[in-house]
Amino acid sequence: MLIQQTLGHIQISDDVISKMVGKITSATREISPMSAGWVESISKIWSGRSLQNGIDIRRVDDLVEINVRVIMRYGSKVHEVCRELQHKVIEQVEHFTGLSIQAVNVIVEGITPGLASTK
């Protein structure tokens, strides 16, 4: 994203946004970020873009769309945890970067064994 000001340009890379989303995701006890692994390699070859730990950033004009692939812990209320993650990502990324987040799509790729604490 390129932000123009009278003082000059500010550019925030997708890697910075990905790292922010990764920190927010890893701070949520009921989920763990999914390592993209071979999916990342194929994605990079085909699109020239890199997924970082299951996080994909897409930009359309001045809006940002974030896709986050996660693995839930068994016993978690999936819809509640995902909704909370969406709110946290939007709030924190917009606050720290000044970017407008169009959507945060959470894709649940699996469930890990073990009980998670329920809220």
N, C-alpha and C. Protein backbone atom coordinates (compact mmCIF):
# COMPACT_ATOMS: atom_id res chain seq x y z
N MET A 1 0.85 -1.18 0.00
CA MET A 1 0.00 0.00 0.00
C MET A 1 0.88 1.23 0.00
N LEU A 2 0.57 2.15 -0.84
CA LEU A 2 1.33 3.39 -0.96
C LEU A 2 0.45 4.53 -0.49
N ILE A 3 0.87 5.21 0.55
CA ILE A 3 0.14 6.33 1.10
C ILE A 3 0.88 7.61 0.74
N GLN A 4 0.19 8.52 0.07
CA GLN A 4 0.84 9.77 -0.33
C GLN A 4 0.53 10.86 0.69
N GLN A 5 1.53 11.58 1.06
CA GLN A 5 1.40 12.72 1.95
C GLN A 5 2.21 13.86 1.35
N THR A 6 2.04 15.02 1.91
CA THR A 6 2.81 16.15 1.41
C THR A 6 4.30 15.99 1.71
N LEU A 7 4.62 15.16 2.70
CA LEU A 7 6.02 14.96 3.07
C LEU A 7 6.70 13.87 2.23
N GLY A 8 5.91 13.05 1.56
CA GLY A 8 6.48 11.95 0.78
C GLY A 8 5.55 10.75 0.82
N HIS A 9 6.10 9.57 0.48
CA HIS A 9 5.31 8.35 0.39
C HIS A 9 5.60 7.43 1.57
N ILE A 10 4.59 6.69 1.98
CA ILE A 10 4.74 5.64 2.99
C ILE A 10 4.26 4.36 2.34
N GLN A 11 5.09 3.34 2.35
CA GLN A 11 4.72 2.06 1.76
C GLN A 11 4.85 0.98 2.83
N ILE A 12 3.77 0.23 3.04
CA ILE A 12 3.76 -0.86 4.02
C ILE A 12 3.71 -2.17 3.24
N SER A 13 4.71 -3.01 3.43
CA SER A 13 4.79 -4.26 2.66
C SER A 13 3.80 -5.30 3.18
N ASP A 14 3.47 -6.24 2.31
CA ASP A 14 2.60 -7.34 2.69
C ASP A 14 3.23 -8.19 3.79
N ASP A 15 4.55 -8.29 3.79
CA ASP A 15 5.24 -9.07 4.82
C ASP A 15 5.00 -8.48 6.21
N VAL A 16 4.98 -7.16 6.31
CA VAL A 16 4.73 -6.50 7.59
C VAL A 16 3.31 -6.82 8.07
N ILE A 17 2.35 -6.74 7.16
CA ILE A 17 0.96 -7.05 7.52
C ILE A 17 0.85 -8.52 7.92
N SER A 18 1.50 -9.41 7.17
CA SER A 18 1.47 -10.85 7.48
C SER A 18 2.02 -11.12 8.87
N LYS A 19 3.11 -10.47 9.21
CA LYS A 19 3.71 -10.68 10.54
C LYS A 19 2.80 -10.18 11.64
N MET A 20 2.12 -9.06 11.40
CA MET A 20 1.18 -8.54 12.39
C MET A 20 0.04 -9.54 12.60
N VAL A 21 -0.52 -10.03 11.50
CA VAL A 21 -1.63 -10.99 11.57
C VAL A 21 -1.16 -12.27 12.26
N GLY A 22 0.07 -12.70 11.98
CA GLY A 22 0.62 -13.89 12.62
C GLY A 22 0.72 -13.74 14.13
N LYS A 23 1.15 -12.57 14.58
CA LYS A 23 1.24 -12.32 16.02
C LYS A 23 -0.13 -12.31 16.67
N ILE A 24 -1.10 -11.69 16.01
CA ILE A 24 -2.46 -11.64 16.54
C ILE A 24 -3.03 -13.05 16.62
N THR A 25 -2.81 -13.83 15.57
CA THR A 25 -3.33 -15.19 15.51
C THR A 25 -2.69 -16.07 16.58
N SER A 26 -1.38 -15.99 16.72
CA SER A 26 -0.69 -16.85 17.69
C SER A 26 -1.01 -16.48 19.13
N ALA A 27 -1.52 -15.26 19.36
CA ALA A 27 -1.90 -14.85 20.71
C ALA A 27 -3.27 -15.39 21.10
N THR A 28 -3.98 -15.99 20.17
CA THR A 28 -5.29 -16.57 20.44
C THR A 28 -5.10 -18.02 20.84
N ARG A 29 -5.45 -18.36 22.09
CA ARG A 29 -5.16 -19.69 22.64
C ARG A 29 -5.85 -20.83 21.91
N GLU A 30 -7.04 -20.59 21.40
CA GLU A 30 -7.83 -21.67 20.81
C GLU A 30 -7.40 -22.04 19.40
N ILE A 31 -6.52 -21.27 18.80
CA ILE A 31 -6.07 -21.58 17.44
C ILE A 31 -4.56 -21.51 17.35
N SER A 32 -4.06 -22.16 16.31
CA SER A 32 -2.64 -22.03 16.01
C SER A 32 -2.50 -21.79 14.52
N PRO A 33 -1.64 -20.87 14.12
CA PRO A 33 -1.49 -20.59 12.70
C PRO A 33 -0.99 -21.82 11.97
N MET A 34 -1.46 -21.98 10.76
CA MET A 34 -1.07 -23.13 9.96
C MET A 34 0.13 -22.78 9.11
N SER A 35 1.13 -23.61 9.15
CA SER A 35 2.28 -23.42 8.27
C SER A 35 1.87 -23.77 6.85
N ALA A 36 2.15 -22.89 5.93
CA ALA A 36 1.71 -23.09 4.56
C ALA A 36 2.43 -24.24 3.85
N GLY A 37 3.68 -24.51 4.22
CA GLY A 37 4.43 -25.63 3.68
C GLY A 37 4.46 -25.67 2.16
N TRP A 38 4.07 -26.82 1.61
CA TRP A 38 4.13 -27.01 0.16
C TRP A 38 3.14 -26.10 -0.56
N VAL A 39 2.03 -25.73 0.11
CA VAL A 39 1.07 -24.81 -0.50
C VAL A 39 1.75 -23.48 -0.80
N GLU A 40 2.61 -23.04 0.11
CA GLU A 40 3.34 -21.79 -0.09
C GLU A 40 4.25 -21.89 -1.31
N SER A 41 4.94 -23.00 -1.45
CA SER A 41 5.85 -23.16 -2.58
C SER A 41 5.11 -23.11 -3.91
N ILE A 42 3.99 -23.83 -3.99
CA ILE A 42 3.21 -23.83 -5.23
C ILE A 42 2.64 -22.45 -5.50
N SER A 43 2.12 -21.80 -4.46
CA SER A 43 1.55 -20.47 -4.62
C SER A 43 2.59 -19.48 -5.14
N LYS A 44 3.78 -19.57 -4.60
CA LYS A 44 4.84 -18.65 -5.02
C LYS A 44 5.23 -18.89 -6.47
N ILE A 45 5.27 -20.14 -6.88
CA ILE A 45 5.62 -20.47 -8.27
C ILE A 45 4.56 -19.94 -9.23
N TRP A 46 3.28 -20.20 -8.92
CA TRP A 46 2.20 -19.83 -9.82
C TRP A 46 1.90 -18.34 -9.81
N SER A 47 1.88 -17.73 -8.65
CA SER A 47 1.44 -16.34 -8.57
C SER A 47 2.57 -15.35 -8.33
N GLY A 48 3.73 -15.85 -7.95
CA GLY A 48 4.83 -14.95 -7.62
C GLY A 48 4.67 -14.35 -6.24
N ARG A 49 3.63 -14.79 -5.51
CA ARG A 49 3.36 -14.27 -4.17
C ARG A 49 3.68 -15.34 -3.14
N SER A 50 3.98 -14.90 -1.96
CA SER A 50 4.34 -15.82 -0.90
C SER A 50 3.28 -15.80 0.21
N LEU A 51 2.88 -16.99 0.64
CA LEU A 51 2.03 -17.10 1.82
C LEU A 51 2.96 -17.22 3.02
N GLN A 52 2.67 -16.51 4.08
CA GLN A 52 3.48 -16.64 5.28
C GLN A 52 2.67 -17.31 6.36
N ASN A 53 3.05 -18.54 6.71
CA ASN A 53 2.37 -19.28 7.76
C ASN A 53 0.87 -19.29 7.58
N GLY A 54 0.41 -19.55 6.37
CA GLY A 54 -1.01 -19.63 6.11
C GLY A 54 -1.71 -18.29 6.01
N ILE A 55 -0.98 -17.21 5.84
CA ILE A 55 -1.56 -15.87 5.76
C ILE A 55 -1.32 -15.32 4.35
N ASP A 56 -2.40 -14.89 3.71
CA ASP A 56 -2.33 -14.35 2.36
C ASP A 56 -2.92 -12.94 2.38
N ILE A 57 -2.20 -12.00 1.84
CA ILE A 57 -2.64 -10.60 1.77
C ILE A 57 -2.95 -10.26 0.33
N ARG A 58 -4.14 -9.72 0.09
CA ARG A 58 -4.54 -9.29 -1.25
C ARG A 58 -4.96 -7.83 -1.18
N ARG A 59 -4.54 -7.07 -2.19
CA ARG A 59 -4.88 -5.64 -2.23
C ARG A 59 -5.68 -5.34 -3.48
N VAL A 60 -6.76 -4.61 -3.29
CA VAL A 60 -7.57 -4.13 -4.40
C VAL A 60 -7.76 -2.64 -4.16
N ASP A 61 -7.15 -1.83 -5.03
CA ASP A 61 -7.16 -0.37 -4.86
C ASP A 61 -6.60 -0.02 -3.49
N ASP A 62 -7.38 0.64 -2.65
CA ASP A 62 -6.90 1.04 -1.33
C ASP A 62 -7.40 0.12 -0.22
N LEU A 63 -7.97 -1.03 -0.59
CA LEU A 63 -8.51 -1.96 0.40
C LEU A 63 -7.64 -3.21 0.49
N VAL A 64 -7.62 -3.79 1.68
CA VAL A 64 -6.81 -4.98 1.93
C VAL A 64 -7.73 -6.13 2.34
N GLU A 65 -7.52 -7.29 1.74
CA GLU A 65 -8.23 -8.51 2.13
C GLU A 65 -7.20 -9.48 2.68
N ILE A 66 -7.51 -10.06 3.83
CA ILE A 66 -6.59 -10.97 4.50
C ILE A 66 -7.23 -12.34 4.62
N ASN A 67 -6.50 -13.37 4.18
CA ASN A 67 -6.93 -14.76 4.34
C ASN A 67 -6.00 -15.42 5.35
N VAL A 68 -6.59 -16.04 6.37
CA VAL A 68 -5.80 -16.67 7.43
C VAL A 68 -6.23 -18.13 7.53
N ARG A 69 -5.28 -19.04 7.35
CA ARG A 69 -5.55 -20.47 7.52
C ARG A 69 -5.10 -20.87 8.92
N VAL A 70 -6.00 -21.52 9.66
CA VAL A 70 -5.69 -21.89 11.03
C VAL A 70 -6.09 -23.32 11.32
N ILE A 71 -5.55 -23.82 12.41
CA ILE A 71 -5.94 -25.11 12.96
C ILE A 71 -6.52 -24.82 14.33
N MET A 72 -7.74 -25.30 14.56
CA MET A 72 -8.42 -25.07 15.83
C MET A 72 -8.07 -26.17 16.82
N ARG A 73 -8.16 -25.84 18.08
CA ARG A 73 -8.00 -26.84 19.13
C ARG A 73 -9.36 -27.46 19.41
N TYR A 74 -9.38 -28.78 19.57
CA TYR A 74 -10.62 -29.49 19.81
C TYR A 74 -11.30 -28.95 21.07
N GLY A 75 -12.60 -28.75 20.98
CA GLY A 75 -13.36 -28.24 22.11
C GLY A 75 -13.64 -26.75 22.02
N SER A 76 -13.02 -26.07 21.06
CA SER A 76 -13.23 -24.63 20.89
C SER A 76 -14.55 -24.38 20.17
N LYS A 77 -15.16 -23.26 20.45
CA LYS A 77 -16.34 -22.83 19.71
C LYS A 77 -15.84 -22.12 18.46
N VAL A 78 -15.76 -22.87 17.38
CA VAL A 78 -15.09 -22.43 16.16
C VAL A 78 -15.62 -21.09 15.68
N HIS A 79 -16.91 -20.93 15.55
CA HIS A 79 -17.47 -19.69 15.01
C HIS A 79 -17.17 -18.49 15.89
N GLU A 80 -17.18 -18.68 17.21
CA GLU A 80 -16.90 -17.56 18.12
C GLU A 80 -15.42 -17.16 18.07
N VAL A 81 -14.55 -18.15 18.05
CA VAL A 81 -13.11 -17.87 18.01
C VAL A 81 -12.74 -17.19 16.70
N CYS A 82 -13.29 -17.67 15.59
CA CYS A 82 -13.00 -17.08 14.28
C CYS A 82 -13.52 -15.65 14.19
N ARG A 83 -14.71 -15.40 14.69
CA ARG A 83 -15.27 -14.05 14.67
C ARG A 83 -14.42 -13.10 15.51
N GLU A 84 -13.98 -13.58 16.68
CA GLU A 84 -13.12 -12.77 17.54
C GLU A 84 -11.79 -12.46 16.85
N LEU A 85 -11.23 -13.45 16.17
CA LEU A 85 -9.98 -13.24 15.43
C LEU A 85 -10.18 -12.19 14.33
N GLN A 86 -11.28 -12.27 13.60
CA GLN A 86 -11.57 -11.28 12.56
C GLN A 86 -11.60 -9.87 13.13
N HIS A 87 -12.30 -9.69 14.24
CA HIS A 87 -12.39 -8.37 14.86
C HIS A 87 -11.01 -7.86 15.32
N LYS A 88 -10.24 -8.73 15.96
CA LYS A 88 -8.91 -8.33 16.44
C LYS A 88 -8.00 -7.92 15.29
N VAL A 89 -7.99 -8.73 14.22
CA VAL A 89 -7.12 -8.43 13.08
C VAL A 89 -7.51 -7.09 12.46
N ILE A 90 -8.79 -6.89 12.21
CA ILE A 90 -9.24 -5.62 11.61
C ILE A 90 -8.85 -4.45 12.49
N GLU A 91 -9.19 -4.55 13.77
CA GLU A 91 -8.92 -3.44 14.71
C GLU A 91 -7.44 -3.10 14.80
N GLN A 92 -6.62 -4.12 15.00
CA GLN A 92 -5.20 -3.86 15.23
C GLN A 92 -4.44 -3.47 13.96
N VAL A 93 -4.71 -4.13 12.85
CA VAL A 93 -4.01 -3.79 11.61
C VAL A 93 -4.41 -2.39 11.15
N GLU A 94 -5.69 -2.05 11.22
CA GLU A 94 -6.10 -0.70 10.84
C GLU A 94 -5.49 0.34 11.78
N HIS A 95 -5.46 0.04 13.07
CA HIS A 95 -4.90 0.99 14.04
C HIS A 95 -3.41 1.25 13.81
N PHE A 96 -2.64 0.19 13.63
CA PHE A 96 -1.18 0.34 13.51
C PHE A 96 -0.70 0.78 12.13
N THR A 97 -1.48 0.47 11.08
CA THR A 97 -1.01 0.80 9.73
C THR A 97 -1.78 1.92 9.06
N GLY A 98 -3.02 2.17 9.49
CA GLY A 98 -3.85 3.17 8.83
C GLY A 98 -4.49 2.65 7.56
N LEU A 99 -4.31 1.35 7.26
CA LEU A 99 -4.90 0.75 6.07
C LEU A 99 -6.36 0.41 6.33
N SER A 100 -7.15 0.33 5.28
CA SER A 100 -8.55 -0.08 5.39
C SER A 100 -8.65 -1.56 5.06
N ILE A 101 -9.13 -2.34 6.02
CA ILE A 101 -9.27 -3.77 5.83
C ILE A 101 -10.68 -4.05 5.31
N GLN A 102 -10.76 -4.62 4.12
CA GLN A 102 -12.05 -4.94 3.52
C GLN A 102 -12.64 -6.20 4.13
N ALA A 103 -11.80 -7.23 4.33
CA ALA A 103 -12.29 -8.50 4.87
C ALA A 103 -11.14 -9.28 5.49
N VAL A 104 -11.49 -10.07 6.50
CA VAL A 104 -10.57 -11.05 7.07
C VAL A 104 -11.29 -12.38 6.97
N ASN A 105 -10.79 -13.24 6.09
CA ASN A 105 -11.39 -14.55 5.87
C ASN A 105 -10.59 -15.58 6.65
N VAL A 106 -11.26 -16.29 7.55
CA VAL A 106 -10.60 -17.31 8.35
C VAL A 106 -10.99 -18.67 7.79
N ILE A 107 -9.99 -19.44 7.39
CA ILE A 107 -10.22 -20.76 6.82
C ILE A 107 -9.70 -21.78 7.84
N VAL A 108 -10.60 -22.57 8.39
CA VAL A 108 -10.22 -23.58 9.37
C VAL A 108 -9.82 -24.83 8.60
N GLU A 109 -8.54 -25.19 8.69
CA GLU A 109 -7.98 -26.30 7.93
C GLU A 109 -7.96 -27.61 8.69
N GLY A 110 -8.13 -27.55 10.02
CA GLY A 110 -8.09 -28.79 10.79
C GLY A 110 -8.34 -28.53 12.27
N ILE A 111 -8.32 -29.64 13.02
CA ILE A 111 -8.51 -29.57 14.47
C ILE A 111 -7.41 -30.38 15.11
N THR A 112 -6.80 -29.82 16.16
CA THR A 112 -5.77 -30.54 16.89
C THR A 112 -6.41 -31.24 18.08
N PRO A 113 -5.85 -32.36 18.51
CA PRO A 113 -6.39 -33.04 19.68
C PRO A 113 -6.12 -32.25 20.96
N GLY A 114 -6.84 -32.58 21.97
CA GLY A 114 -6.67 -31.89 23.26
C GLY A 114 -7.75 -30.87 23.46
N LEU A 115 -8.08 -30.64 24.68
CA LEU A 115 -9.15 -29.70 25.00
C LEU A 115 -8.61 -28.30 25.11
N ALA A 116 -9.36 -27.37 24.57
CA ALA A 116 -9.04 -25.96 24.73
C ALA A 116 -9.95 -25.42 25.81
N SER A 117 -9.50 -24.40 26.48
CA SER A 117 -10.36 -23.80 27.48
C SER A 117 -11.52 -23.09 26.78
N THR A 118 -12.71 -23.28 27.29
CA THR A 118 -13.87 -22.63 26.69
C THR A 118 -14.20 -21.38 27.46
N LYS A 119 -14.66 -20.40 26.72
CA LYS A 119 -14.98 -19.12 27.33
C LYS A 119 -16.46 -19.05 27.63
